[in-house]
Amino acid sequence: MTKKYINGFIIVFFLFFTGAINAQKSQTVVFNTSAQCGMCKERIEEVMNFVPGVKYAELNLKDMSLEIQFNTKKTTADDLRKRVAAIGYTADDVEPKEEDVKKLPLCCQPGAHL
């Protein structure tokens, strides 16, 4: 009987411990972006969801925010901001290069939806 309790305790402890380790590896960040239309959403999510370490990336067009959950062992929030800028969009204070912005479809160009 006591052996069952000890085994149960070990199992519960192991499950809790591994859950705590996994929680430390995962982080969620929210960036403000210059995205403005459905094509922007498609482009950003398509690229960001395939970045190594990204668990999910979802763009909210109502407030132009991008939420990304990622593995901190594989990437950083700064690297993700730079990746968004490389697509042609701002990510918080990281601005894209002019040549990357020019590669965007016309509807995704800054000011296209004014």
C-alpha atoms as a PDB file:
ATOM      1  CA  MET A   1       0.000   0.000   0.000  1.00  0.00           C
ATOM      2  CA  THR A   2       2.762   2.440   0.929  1.00  0.00           C
ATOM      3  CA  LYS A   3       4.631   1.482  -2.225  1.00  0.00           C
ATOM      4  CA  LYS A   4       1.597   2.603  -4.289  1.00  0.00           C
ATOM      5  CA  TYR A   5       1.609   6.005  -2.592  1.00  0.00           C
ATOM      6  CA  ILE A   6       5.318   6.446  -3.173  1.00  0.00           C
ATOM      7  CA  ASN A   7       4.985   5.468  -6.838  1.00  0.00           C
ATOM      8  CA  GLY A   8       2.007   7.824  -7.209  1.00  0.00           C
ATOM      9  CA  PHE A   9       3.957  10.660  -5.630  1.00  0.00           C
ATOM     10  CA  ILE A  10       6.924  10.036  -7.937  1.00  0.00           C
ATOM     11  CA  ILE A  11       4.673  10.083 -11.008  1.00  0.00           C
ATOM     12  CA  VAL A  12       2.930  13.306  -9.939  1.00  0.00           C
ATOM     13  CA  PHE A  13       6.273  14.940  -9.119  1.00  0.00           C
ATOM     14  CA  PHE A  14       7.730  13.898 -12.483  1.00  0.00           C
ATOM     15  CA  LEU A  15       4.721  15.256 -14.402  1.00  0.00           C
ATOM     16  CA  PHE A  16       4.818  18.551 -12.503  1.00  0.00           C
ATOM     17  CA  PHE A  17       8.577  18.911 -12.955  1.00  0.00           C
ATOM     18  CA  THR A  18       8.519  18.270 -16.717  1.00  0.00           C
ATOM     19  CA  GLY A  19       5.589  20.683 -17.110  1.00  0.00           C
ATOM     20  CA  ALA A  20       7.533  23.399 -15.296  1.00  0.00           C
ATOM     21  CA  ILE A  21      10.542  22.871 -17.551  1.00  0.00           C
ATOM     22  CA  ASN A  22       8.418  23.094 -20.703  1.00  0.00           C
ATOM     23  CA  ALA A  23       6.726  26.263 -19.451  1.00  0.00           C
ATOM     24  CA  GLN A  24      10.115  27.938 -19.040  1.00  0.00           C
ATOM     25  CA  LYS A  25      11.003  27.221 -22.679  1.00  0.00           C
ATOM     26  CA  SER A  26       7.887  28.907 -24.049  1.00  0.00           C
ATOM     27  CA  GLN A  27       7.222  32.643 -24.231  1.00  0.00           C
ATOM     28  CA  THR A  28       4.479  34.716 -25.841  1.00  0.00           C
ATOM     29  CA  VAL A  29       5.111  38.205 -27.217  1.00  0.00           C
ATOM     30  CA  VAL A  30       2.873  40.756 -28.915  1.00  0.00           C
ATOM     31  CA  PHE A  31       4.289  43.173 -31.493  1.00  0.00           C
ATOM     32  CA  ASN A  32       2.670  46.225 -33.063  1.00  0.00           C
ATOM     33  CA  THR A  33       2.937  45.953 -36.848  1.00  0.00           C
ATOM     34  CA  SER A  34       2.242  48.007 -39.960  1.00  0.00           C
ATOM     35  CA  ALA A  35       0.017  45.237 -41.380  1.00  0.00           C
ATOM     36  CA  GLN A  36      -3.259  46.565 -42.750  1.00  0.00           C
ATOM     37  CA  CYS A  37      -5.111  43.972 -44.842  1.00  0.00           C
ATOM     38  CA  GLY A  38      -5.891  40.307 -45.295  1.00  0.00           C
ATOM     39  CA  MET A  39      -2.899  39.791 -47.580  1.00  0.00           C
ATOM     40  CA  CYS A  40      -0.642  41.248 -44.904  1.00  0.00           C
ATOM     41  CA  LYS A  41      -2.099  38.781 -42.408  1.00  0.00           C
ATOM     42  CA  GLU A  42      -1.551  35.867 -44.808  1.00  0.00           C
ATOM     43  CA  ARG A  43       2.026  36.847 -45.612  1.00  0.00           C
ATOM     44  CA  ILE A  44       3.097  37.435 -42.018  1.00  0.00           C
ATOM     45  CA  GLU A  45       1.443  34.325 -40.580  1.00  0.00           C
ATOM     46  CA  GLU A  46       2.683  32.142 -43.447  1.00  0.00           C
ATOM     47  CA  VAL A  47       6.296  33.164 -42.882  1.00  0.00           C
ATOM     48  CA  MET A  48       6.293  33.406 -39.091  1.00  0.00           C
ATOM     49  CA  ASN A  49       4.570  30.070 -38.475  1.00  0.00           C
ATOM     50  CA  PHE A  50       7.478  28.334 -40.218  1.00  0.00           C
ATOM     51  CA  VAL A  51      10.273  30.060 -38.296  1.00  0.00           C
ATOM     52  CA  PRO A  52      12.135  27.422 -36.248  1.00  0.00           C
ATOM     53  CA  GLY A  53      10.974  27.632 -32.639  1.00  0.00           C
ATOM     54  CA  VAL A  54       7.679  29.413 -33.357  1.00  0.00           C
ATOM     55  CA  LYS A  55       4.689  27.493 -32.008  1.00  0.00           C
ATOM     56  CA  TYR A  56       2.122  29.876 -33.473  1.00  0.00           C
ATOM     57  CA  ALA A  57       1.872  33.365 -34.922  1.00  0.00           C
ATOM     58  CA  GLU A  58      -1.451  35.160 -35.276  1.00  0.00           C
ATOM     59  CA  LEU A  59      -2.064  38.668 -36.598  1.00  0.00           C
ATOM     60  CA  ASN A  60      -5.018  40.682 -35.317  1.00  0.00           C
ATOM     61  CA  LEU A  61      -5.950  43.196 -38.024  1.00  0.00           C
ATOM     62  CA  LYS A  62      -8.263  45.198 -35.732  1.00  0.00           C
ATOM     63  CA  ASP A  63      -5.359  46.500 -33.681  1.00  0.00           C
ATOM     64  CA  MET A  64      -2.524  45.490 -36.074  1.00  0.00           C
ATOM     65  CA  SER A  65      -0.877  43.334 -33.391  1.00  0.00           C
ATOM     66  CA  LEU A  66       1.013  40.112 -33.950  1.00  0.00           C
ATOM     67  CA  GLU A  67       1.008  37.515 -31.180  1.00  0.00           C
ATOM     68  CA  ILE A  68       3.750  34.902 -31.327  1.00  0.00           C
ATOM     69  CA  GLN A  69       4.373  31.994 -28.993  1.00  0.00           C
ATOM     70  CA  PHE A  70       7.877  30.591 -29.341  1.00  0.00           C
ATOM     71  CA  ASN A  71      10.512  28.347 -27.798  1.00  0.00           C
ATOM     72  CA  THR A  72      13.122  30.523 -26.086  1.00  0.00           C
ATOM     73  CA  LYS A  73      15.774  27.841 -26.623  1.00  0.00           C
ATOM     74  CA  LYS A  74      15.451  28.222 -30.425  1.00  0.00           C
ATOM     75  CA  THR A  75      14.824  31.944 -31.030  1.00  0.00           C
ATOM     76  CA  THR A  76      14.390  35.314 -29.321  1.00  0.00           C
ATOM     77  CA  ALA A  77      11.819  38.094 -29.450  1.00  0.00           C
ATOM     78  CA  ASP A  78      14.405  40.377 -31.096  1.00  0.00           C
ATOM     79  CA  ASP A  79      15.085  37.813 -33.824  1.00  0.00           C
ATOM     80  CA  LEU A  80      11.348  37.525 -34.457  1.00  0.00           C
ATOM     81  CA  ARG A  81      11.007  41.321 -34.766  1.00  0.00           C
ATOM     82  CA  LYS A  82      13.840  41.321 -37.311  1.00  0.00           C
ATOM     83  CA  ARG A  83      12.147  38.502 -39.237  1.00  0.00           C
ATOM     84  CA  VAL A  84       8.892  40.505 -39.448  1.00  0.00           C
ATOM     85  CA  ALA A  85      10.862  43.535 -40.669  1.00  0.00           C
ATOM     86  CA  ALA A  86      12.560  41.373 -43.312  1.00  0.00           C
ATOM     87  CA  ILE A  87       9.098  40.558 -44.706  1.00  0.00           C
ATOM     88  CA  GLY A  88       8.501  44.311 -45.126  1.00  0.00           C
ATOM     89  CA  TYR A  89       6.518  45.282 -42.018  1.00  0.00           C
ATOM     90  CA  THR A  90       7.373  47.155 -38.844  1.00  0.00           C
ATOM     91  CA  ALA A  91       7.559  45.158 -35.629  1.00  0.00           C
ATOM     92  CA  ASP A  92       7.431  47.518 -32.664  1.00  0.00           C
ATOM     93  CA  ASP A  93      10.456  49.801 -33.140  1.00  0.00           C
ATOM     94  CA  VAL A  94      12.153  47.642 -35.803  1.00  0.00           C
ATOM     95  CA  GLU A  95      11.623  49.222 -39.218  1.00  0.00           C
ATOM     96  CA  PRO A  96      11.845  47.283 -42.486  1.00  0.00           C
ATOM     97  CA  LYS A  97      14.343  48.169 -45.197  1.00  0.00           C
ATOM     98  CA  GLU A  98      12.903  50.216 -48.054  1.00  0.00           C
ATOM     99  CA  GLU A  99      13.634  47.456 -50.575  1.00  0.00           C
ATOM    100  CA  ASP A 100      11.655  44.954 -48.461  1.00  0.00           C
ATOM    101  CA  VAL A 101       8.664  47.313 -48.298  1.00  0.00           C
ATOM    102  CA  LYS A 102       8.749  47.752 -52.087  1.00  0.00           C
ATOM    103  CA  LYS A 103       8.459  43.961 -52.515  1.00  0.00           C
ATOM    104  CA  LEU A 104       5.041  44.000 -50.808  1.00  0.00           C
ATOM    105  CA  PRO A 105       1.867  43.869 -52.927  1.00  0.00           C
ATOM    106  CA  LEU A 106       0.378  47.328 -53.560  1.00  0.00           C
ATOM    107  CA  CYS A 107      -2.446  46.745 -51.080  1.00  0.00           C
ATOM    108  CA  CYS A 108       0.143  46.059 -48.364  1.00  0.00           C
ATOM    109  CA  GLN A 109       2.224  49.172 -49.068  1.00  0.00           C
ATOM    110  CA  PRO A 110       2.153  51.823 -46.319  1.00  0.00           C
ATOM    111  CA  GLY A 111      -0.769  54.206 -46.797  1.00  0.00           C
ATOM    112  CA  ALA A 112      -2.618  51.988 -49.281  1.00  0.00           C
ATOM    113  CA  HIS A 113      -5.734  51.809 -47.102  1.00  0.00           C
ATOM    114  CA  LEU A 114      -6.086  55.469 -46.097  1.00  0.00           C
END
